């Protein structure tokens, strides 16, 4: 299993505004799970997807979580 990369300018900017370290770690952990679901290894890969595709991935993931 490869190491997921939750790095990049966009993700770093997102985390910059989260004050609580606990919340920050929780977001990172949950985002890694989302990345696994999307089958991407680097958070920046999601930036290059069409916005309709990203919306579909998020919707499908939320449905998946309800199951």
C-alpha atoms as a PDB file:
ATOM      1  CA  UNK A   1       0.000   0.000   0.000  1.00  0.00           C
ATOM      2  CA  UNK A   2       1.384   3.399  -0.937  1.00  0.00           C
ATOM      3  CA  UNK A   3       1.541   6.412   1.322  1.00  0.00           C
ATOM      4  CA  UNK A   4      -1.205   8.937   0.674  1.00  0.00           C
ATOM      5  CA  UNK A   5       0.052  12.472   0.142  1.00  0.00           C
ATOM      6  CA  UNK A   6      -2.178  15.045   1.822  1.00  0.00           C
ATOM      7  CA  UNK A   7       0.083  17.869   0.788  1.00  0.00           C
ATOM      8  CA  UNK A   8       0.027  20.674  -1.717  1.00  0.00           C
ATOM      9  CA  UNK A   9      -0.770  24.349  -1.629  1.00  0.00           C
ATOM     10  CA  UNK A  10      -4.549  23.982  -1.680  1.00  0.00           C
ATOM     11  CA  UNK A  11      -4.635  21.511   1.201  1.00  0.00           C
ATOM     12  CA  UNK A  12      -2.063  23.487   3.201  1.00  0.00           C
ATOM     13  CA  UNK A  13      -4.139  26.664   2.735  1.00  0.00           C
ATOM     14  CA  UNK A  14      -7.252  24.801   3.902  1.00  0.00           C
ATOM     15  CA  UNK A  15      -5.500  23.547   7.046  1.00  0.00           C
ATOM     16  CA  UNK A  16      -3.976  26.949   7.795  1.00  0.00           C
ATOM     17  CA  UNK A  17      -7.336  28.337   8.877  1.00  0.00           C
ATOM     18  CA  UNK A  18      -8.185  25.497  11.261  1.00  0.00           C
ATOM     19  CA  UNK A  19      -7.159  26.538  14.745  1.00  0.00           C
ATOM     20  CA  UNK A  20      -7.769  23.332  16.662  1.00  0.00           C
ATOM     21  CA  UNK A  21      -5.016  20.743  16.261  1.00  0.00           C
ATOM     22  CA  UNK A  22      -7.501  17.976  17.083  1.00  0.00           C
ATOM     23  CA  UNK A  23      -9.851  19.145  14.325  1.00  0.00           C
ATOM     24  CA  UNK A  24      -6.938  19.459  11.910  1.00  0.00           C
ATOM     25  CA  UNK A  25      -5.822  15.869  12.577  1.00  0.00           C
ATOM     26  CA  UNK A  26      -9.412  14.624  12.271  1.00  0.00           C
ATOM     27  CA  UNK A  27      -9.830  16.353   8.888  1.00  0.00           C
ATOM     28  CA  UNK A  28      -6.542  14.897   7.658  1.00  0.00           C
ATOM     29  CA  UNK A  29      -7.546  11.404   8.762  1.00  0.00           C
ATOM     30  CA  UNK A  30     -10.977  11.613   7.161  1.00  0.00           C
ATOM     31  CA  UNK A  31      -9.592  13.141   3.986  1.00  0.00           C
ATOM     32  CA  UNK A  32      -7.146  10.242   3.655  1.00  0.00           C
ATOM     33  CA  UNK A  33     -10.097   7.840   3.825  1.00  0.00           C
ATOM     34  CA  UNK A  34     -11.852   9.862   1.108  1.00  0.00           C
ATOM     35  CA  UNK A  35      -8.681   9.735  -1.001  1.00  0.00           C
ATOM     36  CA  UNK A  36      -8.581   5.952  -0.652  1.00  0.00           C
ATOM     37  CA  UNK A  37     -12.209   5.799  -1.754  1.00  0.00           C
ATOM     38  CA  UNK A  38     -11.349   7.944  -4.796  1.00  0.00           C
ATOM     39  CA  UNK A  39      -8.246   5.841  -5.490  1.00  0.00           C
ATOM     40  CA  UNK A  40      -5.862   8.785  -5.561  1.00  0.00           C
ATOM     41  CA  UNK A  41      -2.476   8.942  -3.871  1.00  0.00           C
ATOM     42  CA  UNK A  42      -1.993  12.695  -3.860  1.00  0.00           C
ATOM     43  CA  UNK A  43      -4.554  15.306  -2.771  1.00  0.00           C
ATOM     44  CA  UNK A  44      -3.604  17.513  -5.711  1.00  0.00           C
ATOM     45  CA  UNK A  45      -4.890  14.846  -8.117  1.00  0.00           C
ATOM     46  CA  UNK A  46      -8.402  15.807  -7.102  1.00  0.00           C
ATOM     47  CA  UNK A  47      -7.782  19.388  -8.224  1.00  0.00           C
ATOM     48  CA  UNK A  48      -7.362  18.284 -11.816  1.00  0.00           C
ATOM     49  CA  UNK A  49     -10.722  16.530 -12.016  1.00  0.00           C
ATOM     50  CA  UNK A  50     -13.704  18.131 -13.696  1.00  0.00           C
ATOM     51  CA  UNK A  51     -15.895  19.832 -11.078  1.00  0.00           C
ATOM     52  CA  UNK A  52     -18.859  17.610 -12.058  1.00  0.00           C
ATOM     53  CA  UNK A  53     -16.680  14.540 -11.484  1.00  0.00           C
ATOM     54  CA  UNK A  54     -15.623  15.818  -8.059  1.00  0.00           C
ATOM     55  CA  UNK A  55     -19.243  16.507  -7.152  1.00  0.00           C
ATOM     56  CA  UNK A  56     -20.143  12.976  -8.212  1.00  0.00           C
ATOM     57  CA  UNK A  57     -17.277  11.483  -6.167  1.00  0.00           C
ATOM     58  CA  UNK A  58     -18.378  13.379  -3.055  1.00  0.00           C
ATOM     59  CA  UNK A  59     -22.025  12.397  -3.503  1.00  0.00           C
ATOM     60  CA  UNK A  60     -21.135   8.740  -4.082  1.00  0.00           C
ATOM     61  CA  UNK A  61     -18.848   8.766  -1.043  1.00  0.00           C
ATOM     62  CA  UNK A  62     -21.551  10.224   1.208  1.00  0.00           C
ATOM     63  CA  UNK A  63     -24.003   7.574   0.005  1.00  0.00           C
ATOM     64  CA  UNK A  64     -21.314   4.942   0.645  1.00  0.00           C
ATOM     65  CA  UNK A  65     -20.915   6.186   4.233  1.00  0.00           C
ATOM     66  CA  UNK A  66     -24.637   5.820   4.901  1.00  0.00           C
ATOM     67  CA  UNK A  67     -24.586   2.125   3.957  1.00  0.00           C
END
